[in-house]
Amino acid sequence: MYIHELNPIAFSLFNFKIYWYSLSYLFGFVFSYYYVKFVLNKDFVNMDFKIFEDFIGWAVLGVIFGGRIGYVIFYNLNFYLENPIEILKIWQGGMSFHGGLLGVILSIFFFSKSKKINFLDLLNLVSSCAPIGLFLGRLANFVNRELIGRPTNSDWGVIFFENDVLRHPSQIYEAIFEGLIIFFVIFYIIKKKYYRFLNISSLFLIMYGIFRFTIEFYREPDSHLGFIFMNISMGQLLCLPMILIGSIFLRKKNVRY
């Protein structure tokens, strides 16, 4: 049994609070910057590092706008239609992974078109480093006591709130499977040069979709949504097209715009 007593505030600077959640985004992008340097030296894709540097700003916008718009549409549309000004209050929380994913894919598409580079190369490159960002983000979710797990019905688990029951640390499960395991599988594929036969981005979609769908059975659904169908949550429903699309495009092909 673990009693959650972690502080979501990492530190304060001149009365300005720095949260672990914000740092998770920052460290995720910093890691991606240096990791991409490493994988480009492995002849993973034919791309100059300067191109990726130029893309980082596009990626940040894709994650933020896509994540926010996705949350608005997928998770709380009626509320935001009645209170549109609340859409701008990102600091109050409310980001969707699936929306952020779509935002990044769109940013890759338009960036590739503007730079006349291989869309799939950049998509695979981003997919190779994204899992670490997910790992850090899920750890931040745990620190923030959000996206908590379902009751364990045993003497093992985490007490997130006073007088609450023991719950699964579903955020840690997701950090391990959606983050570390996917990262190391992709790293192994790059090392062994198996990327010559399959798309890293498709593999990422398949693995994330399967892991997220499974782990959501240990995670509480959003309180204002509940289960969408039987024991299935919105997050699980959104994972199904990921698995399907990833499976269709798993075989290596070159796509240029």
C-alpha atoms as a PDB file:
ATOM      1  CA  MET A   1       0.000   0.000   0.000  1.00  0.00           C
ATOM      2  CA  TYR A   2       1.248   3.460  -0.917  1.00  0.00           C
ATOM      3  CA  ILE A   3      -0.237   6.712   0.391  1.00  0.00           C
ATOM      4  CA  HIS A   4       0.055   9.428  -2.243  1.00  0.00           C
ATOM      5  CA  GLU A   5       1.638  12.569  -0.786  1.00  0.00           C
ATOM      6  CA  LEU A   6       3.481  13.935  -3.826  1.00  0.00           C
ATOM      7  CA  ASN A   7       3.305  17.643  -4.580  1.00  0.00           C
ATOM      8  CA  PRO A   8       2.292  18.545  -8.180  1.00  0.00           C
ATOM      9  CA  ILE A   9       4.370  21.732  -7.845  1.00  0.00           C
ATOM     10  CA  ALA A  10       8.020  21.047  -8.672  1.00  0.00           C
ATOM     11  CA  PHE A  11       9.270  24.396  -7.356  1.00  0.00           C
ATOM     12  CA  SER A  12       8.357  28.072  -7.114  1.00  0.00           C
ATOM     13  CA  LEU A  13      10.333  30.901  -8.696  1.00  0.00           C
ATOM     14  CA  PHE A  14       9.483  34.434  -7.579  1.00  0.00           C
ATOM     15  CA  ASN A  15       6.017  33.243  -6.530  1.00  0.00           C
ATOM     16  CA  PHE A  16       5.566  31.632  -9.955  1.00  0.00           C
ATOM     17  CA  LYS A  17       4.726  27.943  -9.605  1.00  0.00           C
ATOM     18  CA  ILE A  18       6.373  25.406 -11.890  1.00  0.00           C
ATOM     19  CA  TYR A  19       4.373  22.169 -12.146  1.00  0.00           C
ATOM     20  CA  TRP A  20       5.715  18.708 -12.872  1.00  0.00           C
ATOM     21  CA  TYR A  21       3.150  18.398 -15.669  1.00  0.00           C
ATOM     22  CA  SER A  22       4.632  21.390 -17.485  1.00  0.00           C
ATOM     23  CA  LEU A  23       8.139  20.041 -16.956  1.00  0.00           C
ATOM     24  CA  SER A  24       7.106  16.696 -18.434  1.00  0.00           C
ATOM     25  CA  TYR A  25       6.290  18.446 -21.731  1.00  0.00           C
ATOM     26  CA  LEU A  26       9.543  20.412 -21.594  1.00  0.00           C
ATOM     27  CA  PHE A  27      11.741  17.402 -20.829  1.00  0.00           C
ATOM     28  CA  GLY A  28       9.911  15.358 -23.457  1.00  0.00           C
ATOM     29  CA  PHE A  29      10.788  17.846 -26.189  1.00  0.00           C
ATOM     30  CA  VAL A  30      14.371  18.212 -24.911  1.00  0.00           C
ATOM     31  CA  PHE A  31      14.849  14.442 -24.948  1.00  0.00           C
ATOM     32  CA  SER A  32      13.380  14.233 -28.455  1.00  0.00           C
ATOM     33  CA  TYR A  33      15.819  16.882 -29.668  1.00  0.00           C
ATOM     34  CA  TYR A  34      18.898  14.891 -28.615  1.00  0.00           C
ATOM     35  CA  TYR A  35      17.487  11.448 -29.331  1.00  0.00           C
ATOM     36  CA  VAL A  36      16.704  12.380 -32.926  1.00  0.00           C
ATOM     37  CA  LYS A  37      20.357  13.385 -33.343  1.00  0.00           C
ATOM     38  CA  PHE A  38      21.262   9.871 -32.262  1.00  0.00           C
ATOM     39  CA  VAL A  39      18.850   7.958 -34.522  1.00  0.00           C
ATOM     40  CA  LEU A  40      19.708  10.074 -37.568  1.00  0.00           C
ATOM     41  CA  ASN A  41      23.269   8.788 -37.208  1.00  0.00           C
ATOM     42  CA  LYS A  42      21.844   5.266 -37.557  1.00  0.00           C
ATOM     43  CA  ASP A  43      20.629   6.018 -41.104  1.00  0.00           C
ATOM     44  CA  PHE A  44      17.093   5.539 -39.826  1.00  0.00           C
ATOM     45  CA  VAL A  45      15.736   8.144 -42.237  1.00  0.00           C
ATOM     46  CA  ASN A  46      17.339  10.298 -44.901  1.00  0.00           C
ATOM     47  CA  MET A  47      16.907  13.700 -43.310  1.00  0.00           C
ATOM     48  CA  ASP A  48      19.062  16.588 -42.172  1.00  0.00           C
ATOM     49  CA  PHE A  49      18.832  17.387 -38.474  1.00  0.00           C
ATOM     50  CA  LYS A  50      18.158  21.037 -39.338  1.00  0.00           C
ATOM     51  CA  ILE A  51      14.819  19.932 -40.796  1.00  0.00           C
ATOM     52  CA  PHE A  52      13.807  18.382 -37.484  1.00  0.00           C
ATOM     53  CA  GLU A  53      14.909  21.521 -35.634  1.00  0.00           C
ATOM     54  CA  ASP A  54      12.613  23.559 -37.849  1.00  0.00           C
ATOM     55  CA  PHE A  55       9.771  21.141 -37.169  1.00  0.00           C
ATOM     56  CA  ILE A  56       9.901  21.327 -33.352  1.00  0.00           C
ATOM     57  CA  GLY A  57       7.842  24.516 -33.220  1.00  0.00           C
ATOM     58  CA  TRP A  58       5.222  22.926 -35.458  1.00  0.00           C
ATOM     59  CA  ALA A  59       5.153  19.864 -33.187  1.00  0.00           C
ATOM     60  CA  VAL A  60       4.586  21.986 -30.070  1.00  0.00           C
ATOM     61  CA  LEU A  61       1.635  23.737 -31.714  1.00  0.00           C
ATOM     62  CA  GLY A  62       0.245  20.420 -32.945  1.00  0.00           C
ATOM     63  CA  VAL A  63       0.374  18.875 -29.472  1.00  0.00           C
ATOM     64  CA  ILE A  64      -1.141  21.876 -27.690  1.00  0.00           C
ATOM     65  CA  PHE A  65      -3.896  22.794 -30.149  1.00  0.00           C
ATOM     66  CA  GLY A  66      -4.670  19.211 -31.130  1.00  0.00           C
ATOM     67  CA  GLY A  67      -4.700  18.025 -27.531  1.00  0.00           C
ATOM     68  CA  ARG A  68      -7.013  20.818 -26.443  1.00  0.00           C
ATOM     69  CA  ILE A  69      -9.400  20.630 -29.393  1.00  0.00           C
ATOM     70  CA  GLY A  70      -9.482  16.851 -29.087  1.00  0.00           C
ATOM     71  CA  TYR A  71     -10.463  17.096 -25.430  1.00  0.00           C
ATOM     72  CA  VAL A  72     -13.195  19.603 -26.255  1.00  0.00           C
ATOM     73  CA  ILE A  73     -14.672  17.416 -29.025  1.00  0.00           C
ATOM     74  CA  PHE A  74     -14.175  13.932 -27.590  1.00  0.00           C
ATOM     75  CA  TYR A  75     -14.703  14.482 -23.880  1.00  0.00           C
ATOM     76  CA  ASN A  76     -16.776  17.577 -23.048  1.00  0.00           C
ATOM     77  CA  LEU A  77     -18.317  19.088 -26.177  1.00  0.00           C
ATOM     78  CA  ASN A  78     -21.644  20.185 -24.647  1.00  0.00           C
ATOM     79  CA  PHE A  79     -19.942  22.048 -21.812  1.00  0.00           C
ATOM     80  CA  TYR A  80     -17.613  23.957 -24.128  1.00  0.00           C
ATOM     81  CA  LEU A  81     -20.408  24.801 -26.573  1.00  0.00           C
ATOM     82  CA  GLU A  82     -22.185  26.500 -23.683  1.00  0.00           C
ATOM     83  CA  ASN A  83     -18.958  28.027 -22.297  1.00  0.00           C
ATOM     84  CA  PRO A  84     -16.684  28.665 -25.324  1.00  0.00           C
ATOM     85  CA  ILE A  85     -14.375  31.004 -23.402  1.00  0.00           C
ATOM     86  CA  GLU A  86     -13.369  28.028 -21.229  1.00  0.00           C
ATOM     87  CA  ILE A  87     -11.674  26.456 -24.250  1.00  0.00           C
ATOM     88  CA  LEU A  88      -8.854  28.969 -23.875  1.00  0.00           C
ATOM     89  CA  LYS A  89      -8.172  28.071 -20.231  1.00  0.00           C
ATOM     90  CA  ILE A  90      -5.667  25.316 -20.946  1.00  0.00           C
ATOM     91  CA  TRP A  91      -3.973  25.872 -17.584  1.00  0.00           C
ATOM     92  CA  GLN A  92      -7.051  24.422 -15.883  1.00  0.00           C
ATOM     93  CA  GLY A  93      -6.399  21.051 -17.524  1.00  0.00           C
ATOM     94  CA  GLY A  94      -8.116  19.104 -20.254  1.00  0.00           C
ATOM     95  CA  MET A  95      -5.855  17.624 -22.942  1.00  0.00           C
ATOM     96  CA  SER A  96      -6.531  14.589 -25.102  1.00  0.00           C
ATOM     97  CA  PHE A  97      -3.761  12.272 -26.280  1.00  0.00           C
ATOM     98  CA  HIS A  98      -5.736  11.276 -29.354  1.00  0.00           C
ATOM     99  CA  GLY A  99      -6.365  14.932 -30.206  1.00  0.00           C
ATOM    100  CA  GLY A 100      -2.673  15.706 -29.712  1.00  0.00           C
ATOM    101  CA  LEU A 101      -1.803  12.774 -31.964  1.00  0.00           C
ATOM    102  CA  LEU A 102      -4.026  14.086 -34.747  1.00  0.00           C
ATOM    103  CA  GLY A 103      -2.571  17.558 -34.235  1.00  0.00           C
ATOM    104  CA  VAL A 104       0.986  16.295 -34.632  1.00  0.00           C
ATOM    105  CA  ILE A 105       0.113  14.206 -37.699  1.00  0.00           C
ATOM    106  CA  LEU A 106      -1.463  17.268 -39.336  1.00  0.00           C
ATOM    107  CA  SER A 107       1.563  19.389 -38.449  1.00  0.00           C
ATOM    108  CA  ILE A 108       3.838  16.729 -39.988  1.00  0.00           C
ATOM    109  CA  PHE A 109       1.695  16.658 -43.127  1.00  0.00           C
ATOM    110  CA  PHE A 110       1.723  20.417 -43.707  1.00  0.00           C
ATOM    111  CA  PHE A 111       5.384  20.789 -42.696  1.00  0.00           C
ATOM    112  CA  SER A 112       6.423  17.978 -45.070  1.00  0.00           C
ATOM    113  CA  LYS A 113       4.437  19.566 -47.861  1.00  0.00           C
ATOM    114  CA  SER A 114       5.973  22.990 -47.277  1.00  0.00           C
ATOM    115  CA  LYS A 115       9.524  21.596 -47.097  1.00  0.00           C
ATOM    116  CA  LYS A 116       8.973  18.993 -49.858  1.00  0.00           C
ATOM    117  CA  ILE A 117      10.311  16.162 -47.702  1.00  0.00           C
ATOM    118  CA  ASN A 118       9.173  12.580 -47.126  1.00  0.00           C
ATOM    119  CA  PHE A 119       6.055  12.642 -44.944  1.00  0.00           C
ATOM    120  CA  LEU A 120       6.534   9.076 -43.725  1.00  0.00           C
ATOM    121  CA  ASP A 121      10.187   9.628 -42.785  1.00  0.00           C
ATOM    122  CA  LEU A 122       9.279  12.498 -40.483  1.00  0.00           C
ATOM    123  CA  LEU A 123       6.278  10.608 -39.101  1.00  0.00           C
ATOM    124  CA  ASN A 124       8.485   7.610 -38.267  1.00  0.00           C
ATOM    125  CA  LEU A 125      11.122   9.872 -36.748  1.00  0.00           C
ATOM    126  CA  VAL A 126       8.607  11.539 -34.437  1.00  0.00           C
ATOM    127  CA  SER A 127       7.112   8.156 -33.511  1.00  0.00           C
ATOM    128  CA  SER A 128      10.522   6.915 -32.390  1.00  0.00           C
ATOM    129  CA  CYS A 129      10.873   9.570 -29.684  1.00  0.00           C
ATOM    130  CA  ALA A 130       7.215  10.188 -28.720  1.00  0.00           C
ATOM    131  CA  PRO A 131       7.023   7.307 -26.183  1.00  0.00           C
ATOM    132  CA  ILE A 132       9.384   9.059 -23.766  1.00  0.00           C
ATOM    133  CA  GLY A 133       7.140  12.108 -23.779  1.00  0.00           C
ATOM    134  CA  LEU A 134       4.223   9.804 -22.987  1.00  0.00           C
ATOM    135  CA  PHE A 135       6.228   8.174 -20.196  1.00  0.00           C
ATOM    136  CA  LEU A 136       6.958  11.533 -18.567  1.00  0.00           C
ATOM    137  CA  GLY A 137       3.390  12.728 -19.052  1.00  0.00           C
ATOM    138  CA  ARG A 138       1.919   9.673 -17.324  1.00  0.00           C
ATOM    139  CA  LEU A 139       4.308  10.103 -14.400  1.00  0.00           C
ATOM    140  CA  ALA A 140       3.074  13.689 -14.130  1.00  0.00           C
ATOM    141  CA  ASN A 141      -0.518  12.403 -14.154  1.00  0.00           C
ATOM    142  CA  PHE A 142       0.388  10.204 -11.187  1.00  0.00           C
ATOM    143  CA  VAL A 143       1.940  13.114  -9.307  1.00  0.00           C
ATOM    144  CA  ASN A 144      -1.151  15.225 -10.032  1.00  0.00           C
ATOM    145  CA  ARG A 145      -3.502  12.463  -8.789  1.00  0.00           C
ATOM    146  CA  GLU A 146      -5.416  12.549 -12.066  1.00  0.00           C
ATOM    147  CA  LEU A 147      -6.621   9.746 -14.343  1.00  0.00           C
ATOM    148  CA  ILE A 148      -6.666   7.544 -11.257  1.00  0.00           C
ATOM    149  CA  GLY A 149      -7.155   3.810 -11.331  1.00  0.00           C
ATOM    150  CA  ARG A 150     -10.124   1.713 -10.327  1.00  0.00           C
ATOM    151  CA  PRO A 151     -10.326   0.097  -6.871  1.00  0.00           C
ATOM    152  CA  THR A 152      -8.058  -2.918  -6.477  1.00  0.00           C
ATOM    153  CA  ASN A 153     -10.446  -4.746  -4.099  1.00  0.00           C
ATOM    154  CA  SER A 154      -7.385  -5.995  -2.224  1.00  0.00           C
ATOM    155  CA  ASP A 155      -4.826  -4.826   0.316  1.00  0.00           C
ATOM    156  CA  TRP A 156      -2.516  -3.629  -2.478  1.00  0.00           C
ATOM    157  CA  GLY A 157      -2.671  -0.311  -4.298  1.00  0.00           C
ATOM    158  CA  VAL A 158      -2.419   3.442  -3.880  1.00  0.00           C
ATOM    159  CA  ILE A 159      -4.485   5.744  -1.678  1.00  0.00           C
ATOM    160  CA  PHE A 160      -4.757   8.898  -3.771  1.00  0.00           C
ATOM    161  CA  PHE A 161      -7.103  10.845  -1.502  1.00  0.00           C
ATOM    162  CA  GLU A 162      -7.941  10.835   2.184  1.00  0.00           C
ATOM    163  CA  ASN A 163     -10.564   8.251   3.143  1.00  0.00           C
ATOM    164  CA  ASP A 164     -10.446   6.765  -0.357  1.00  0.00           C
ATOM    165  CA  VAL A 165     -10.071   3.095  -1.267  1.00  0.00           C
ATOM    166  CA  LEU A 166      -6.927   1.452  -2.597  1.00  0.00           C
ATOM    167  CA  ARG A 167      -6.670   1.991  -6.330  1.00  0.00           C
ATOM    168  CA  HIS A 168      -4.562   0.747  -9.223  1.00  0.00           C
ATOM    169  CA  PRO A 169      -1.718   3.132 -10.137  1.00  0.00           C
ATOM    170  CA  SER A 170      -2.977   3.066 -13.727  1.00  0.00           C
ATOM    171  CA  GLN A 171      -0.812   6.064 -14.606  1.00  0.00           C
ATOM    172  CA  ILE A 172       2.290   4.011 -13.778  1.00  0.00           C
ATOM    173  CA  TYR A 173       0.993   1.083 -15.825  1.00  0.00           C
ATOM    174  CA  GLU A 174       0.550   3.427 -18.781  1.00  0.00           C
ATOM    175  CA  ALA A 175       3.957   5.040 -18.252  1.00  0.00           C
ATOM    176  CA  ILE A 176       5.621   1.620 -18.417  1.00  0.00           C
ATOM    177  CA  PHE A 177       3.700   0.103 -21.326  1.00  0.00           C
ATOM    178  CA  GLU A 178       2.784   3.136 -23.464  1.00  0.00           C
ATOM    179  CA  GLY A 179       6.106   4.793 -22.733  1.00  0.00           C
ATOM    180  CA  LEU A 180       9.089   2.617 -21.871  1.00  0.00           C
ATOM    181  CA  ILE A 181       8.121  -0.636 -23.553  1.00  0.00           C
ATOM    182  CA  ILE A 182       7.121   1.000 -26.839  1.00  0.00           C
ATOM    183  CA  PHE A 183      10.290   3.105 -26.765  1.00  0.00           C
ATOM    184  CA  PHE A 184      12.606   0.130 -26.294  1.00  0.00           C
ATOM    185  CA  VAL A 185      10.803  -2.001 -28.900  1.00  0.00           C
ATOM    186  CA  ILE A 186      11.194   0.787 -31.463  1.00  0.00           C
ATOM    187  CA  PHE A 187      14.805   1.358 -30.377  1.00  0.00           C
ATOM    188  CA  TYR A 188      15.534  -2.350 -30.954  1.00  0.00           C
ATOM    189  CA  ILE A 189      13.941  -2.201 -34.414  1.00  0.00           C
ATOM    190  CA  ILE A 190      16.039   0.818 -35.344  1.00  0.00           C
ATOM    191  CA  LYS A 191      19.194  -0.845 -34.027  1.00  0.00           C
ATOM    192  CA  LYS A 192      18.528  -4.014 -36.024  1.00  0.00           C
ATOM    193  CA  LYS A 193      17.406  -2.003 -39.085  1.00  0.00           C
ATOM    194  CA  TYR A 194      14.036  -3.766 -39.253  1.00  0.00           C
ATOM    195  CA  TYR A 195      12.552  -0.389 -40.197  1.00  0.00           C
ATOM    196  CA  ARG A 196      13.434  -1.316 -43.771  1.00  0.00           C
ATOM    197  CA  PHE A 197      10.417  -3.630 -43.776  1.00  0.00           C
ATOM    198  CA  LEU A 198       7.809  -1.877 -41.630  1.00  0.00           C
ATOM    199  CA  ASN A 199       6.642   1.558 -40.633  1.00  0.00           C
ATOM    200  CA  ILE A 200       7.668   2.641 -37.154  1.00  0.00           C
ATOM    201  CA  SER A 201       4.671   4.969 -36.969  1.00  0.00           C
ATOM    202  CA  SER A 202       2.242   2.129 -37.714  1.00  0.00           C
ATOM    203  CA  LEU A 203       3.868  -0.062 -35.085  1.00  0.00           C
ATOM    204  CA  PHE A 204       3.561   2.800 -32.600  1.00  0.00           C
ATOM    205  CA  LEU A 205      -0.175   3.136 -33.343  1.00  0.00           C
ATOM    206  CA  ILE A 206      -0.763  -0.590 -32.920  1.00  0.00           C
ATOM    207  CA  MET A 207       1.195  -0.973 -29.699  1.00  0.00           C
ATOM    208  CA  TYR A 208      -0.168   2.178 -28.092  1.00  0.00           C
ATOM    209  CA  GLY A 209      -3.722   1.276 -29.073  1.00  0.00           C
ATOM    210  CA  ILE A 210      -3.473  -2.237 -27.629  1.00  0.00           C
ATOM    211  CA  PHE A 211      -1.745  -1.147 -24.404  1.00  0.00           C
ATOM    212  CA  ARG A 212      -4.064   1.809 -23.801  1.00  0.00           C
ATOM    213  CA  PHE A 213      -7.184  -0.254 -24.531  1.00  0.00           C
ATOM    214  CA  THR A 214      -6.085  -2.936 -22.068  1.00  0.00           C
ATOM    215  CA  ILE A 215      -4.907  -0.670 -19.262  1.00  0.00           C
ATOM    216  CA  GLU A 216      -8.105   1.389 -19.367  1.00  0.00           C
ATOM    217  CA  PHE A 217      -9.818  -1.585 -17.718  1.00  0.00           C
ATOM    218  CA  TYR A 218      -7.787  -0.628 -14.622  1.00  0.00           C
ATOM    219  CA  ARG A 219      -8.494   3.109 -14.921  1.00  0.00           C
ATOM    220  CA  GLU A 220     -11.559   5.061 -13.870  1.00  0.00           C
ATOM    221  CA  PRO A 221     -13.523   6.485 -16.811  1.00  0.00           C
ATOM    222  CA  ASP A 222     -14.014  10.241 -16.959  1.00  0.00           C
ATOM    223  CA  SER A 223     -16.587  11.080 -14.286  1.00  0.00           C
ATOM    224  CA  HIS A 224     -18.724  13.252 -16.587  1.00  0.00           C
ATOM    225  CA  LEU A 225     -18.760  10.611 -19.350  1.00  0.00           C
ATOM    226  CA  GLY A 226     -18.685   7.259 -17.622  1.00  0.00           C
ATOM    227  CA  PHE A 227     -18.673   4.244 -19.906  1.00  0.00           C
ATOM    228  CA  ILE A 228     -19.673   4.868 -23.508  1.00  0.00           C
ATOM    229  CA  PHE A 229     -20.656   1.303 -24.332  1.00  0.00           C
ATOM    230  CA  MET A 230     -20.979  -1.474 -21.727  1.00  0.00           C
ATOM    231  CA  ASN A 231     -17.600  -1.421 -19.918  1.00  0.00           C
ATOM    232  CA  ILE A 232     -15.804   0.533 -22.652  1.00  0.00           C
ATOM    233  CA  SER A 233     -14.539   4.104 -22.139  1.00  0.00           C
ATOM    234  CA  MET A 234     -14.078   6.906 -24.649  1.00  0.00           C
ATOM    235  CA  GLY A 235     -10.306   6.396 -24.546  1.00  0.00           C
ATOM    236  CA  GLN A 236     -10.734   2.753 -25.509  1.00  0.00           C
ATOM    237  CA  LEU A 237     -13.057   3.582 -28.392  1.00  0.00           C
ATOM    238  CA  LEU A 238     -10.529   6.072 -29.766  1.00  0.00           C
ATOM    239  CA  CYS A 239      -7.824   3.380 -29.642  1.00  0.00           C
ATOM    240  CA  LEU A 240      -9.669   1.071 -32.040  1.00  0.00           C
ATOM    241  CA  PRO A 241      -9.075   3.163 -35.201  1.00  0.00           C
ATOM    242  CA  MET A 242      -5.417   3.504 -34.145  1.00  0.00           C
ATOM    243  CA  ILE A 243      -5.011  -0.281 -34.162  1.00  0.00           C
ATOM    244  CA  LEU A 244      -6.885  -0.639 -37.457  1.00  0.00           C
ATOM    245  CA  ILE A 245      -4.996   2.131 -39.305  1.00  0.00           C
ATOM    246  CA  GLY A 246      -1.658   0.958 -37.917  1.00  0.00           C
ATOM    247  CA  SER A 247      -2.331  -2.588 -39.129  1.00  0.00           C
ATOM    248  CA  ILE A 248      -3.298  -1.422 -42.628  1.00  0.00           C
ATOM    249  CA  PHE A 249      -0.130   0.633 -43.137  1.00  0.00           C
ATOM    250  CA  LEU A 250       2.345  -1.522 -41.197  1.00  0.00           C
ATOM    251  CA  ARG A 251       4.181  -2.622 -44.321  1.00  0.00           C
ATOM    252  CA  LYS A 252       6.960  -0.234 -45.358  1.00  0.00           C
ATOM    253  CA  LYS A 253       6.050   2.172 -48.145  1.00  0.00           C
ATOM    254  CA  ASN A 254       7.377   5.545 -49.213  1.00  0.00           C
ATOM    255  CA  VAL A 255       4.961   8.443 -49.171  1.00  0.00           C
ATOM    256  CA  ARG A 256       6.055  11.798 -50.562  1.00  0.00           C
ATOM    257  CA  TYR A 257       4.188  15.092 -50.814  1.00  0.00           C
END
